[in-house]
Protein backbone atom coordinates (compact mmCIF):
# COMPACT_ATOMS: atom_id res chain seq x y z
CA MET A 1 0.08 0.05 0.03
CA ILE A 2 1.33 3.53 -1.00
CA SER A 3 1.46 5.97 1.87
CA ARG A 4 0.00 9.51 1.62
CA VAL A 5 3.52 10.83 1.85
CA GLU A 6 4.74 8.52 -0.89
CA ARG A 7 1.69 9.73 -3.18
CA LYS A 8 2.64 13.46 -2.35
CA ILE A 9 6.35 12.64 -3.44
CA MET A 10 5.23 10.85 -6.63
CA ALA A 11 3.09 13.58 -7.62
CA GLU A 12 5.95 16.03 -7.03
CA ILE A 13 8.15 13.94 -9.15
CA GLN A 14 5.63 13.48 -12.03
CA GLY A 15 4.62 17.30 -11.87
CA ASN A 16 8.22 18.26 -12.37
CA ASP A 17 9.13 15.81 -15.11
CA VAL A 18 11.79 14.16 -13.29
CA PRO A 19 12.36 10.57 -14.76
CA SER A 20 11.38 7.76 -12.63
CA PHE A 21 11.11 3.93 -12.71
CA THR A 22 7.76 2.04 -13.15
CA THR A 23 9.07 -0.46 -10.48
CA HIS A 24 8.35 0.49 -6.89
CA LEU A 25 10.62 -0.40 -4.12
CA HIS A 26 8.42 -1.37 -1.42
CA GLU A 27 9.25 -0.66 2.31
CA ARG A 28 9.97 -4.16 3.54
CA SER A 29 11.09 -5.37 6.98
CA ALA A 30 13.63 -7.50 5.25
CA TYR A 31 15.47 -4.31 4.02
CA LYS A 32 15.59 -2.98 7.68
CA ALA A 33 16.88 -6.58 8.82
CA MET A 34 19.47 -6.48 6.20
CA MET A 35 20.85 -3.12 7.53
CA LEU A 36 20.42 -4.27 11.22
CA GLU A 37 22.39 -7.54 10.47
CA GLY A 38 24.92 -6.10 8.07
CA VAL A 39 24.42 -8.93 5.44
CA PRO A 40 22.87 -9.05 2.02
CA LEU A 41 19.22 -10.08 1.66
CA ALA A 42 20.21 -13.40 0.36
CA GLU A 43 22.02 -14.15 3.84
CA LEU A 44 19.16 -13.30 6.09
CA ASN A 45 17.83 -16.14 8.13
CA ARG A 46 14.28 -16.66 6.41
CA ASP A 47 13.24 -18.34 9.70
CA GLU A 48 13.91 -15.21 11.60
CA TYR A 49 12.85 -12.48 9.12
CA ASN A 50 9.62 -12.54 6.83
CA GLY A 51 9.57 -11.61 3.39
CA VAL A 52 13.10 -12.05 2.39
CA ASP A 53 12.37 -13.64 -0.93
CA LYS A 54 9.85 -10.95 -1.92
CA ALA A 55 12.48 -8.32 -0.95
CA ILE A 56 15.09 -9.96 -3.11
CA THR A 57 12.62 -10.05 -6.07
CA ASN A 58 11.60 -6.47 -5.67
CA ALA A 59 15.23 -5.29 -5.40
CA ASP A 60 16.09 -7.38 -8.36
CA LEU A 61 13.42 -5.72 -10.47
CA SER A 62 14.38 -2.26 -9.21
CA ARG A 63 18.13 -2.94 -9.96
CA GLY A 64 17.13 -4.13 -13.40
CA ARG A 65 15.24 -0.88 -14.24
CA ALA A 66 18.12 1.17 -12.96
CA ILE A 67 20.47 -0.84 -15.31
CA GLU A 68 18.28 -0.38 -18.11
CA TYR A 69 17.88 3.37 -17.51
CA ILE A 70 21.74 3.74 -17.46
CA ILE A 71 22.30 1.73 -20.58
CA ASN A 72 19.68 3.64 -22.60
CA LYS A 73 21.25 6.94 -21.36
CA GLN A 74 24.73 5.83 -22.37
CA GLU A 75 23.27 4.72 -25.86
CA LYS A 76 21.63 8.01 -26.56
CA ALA A 77 24.71 9.95 -25.55
CA ALA A 78 26.95 7.90 -27.91
């Protein structure tokens, strides 16, 4: 679910023609656990933390979009 604050931020981004990705990086407890434990998502104990696999999938999708964006920018500049 998108919070009111996120909606306002997204409206500002769209209203100012700032490029953005269609993939949304969700706020997941696994991301917080990763920082707490100091390990990558893949190394988190799935018995101790919920949603690790979903967080990995979400991060992979976001990373893929970022890479596509960079490659497209480089190709256009060449």
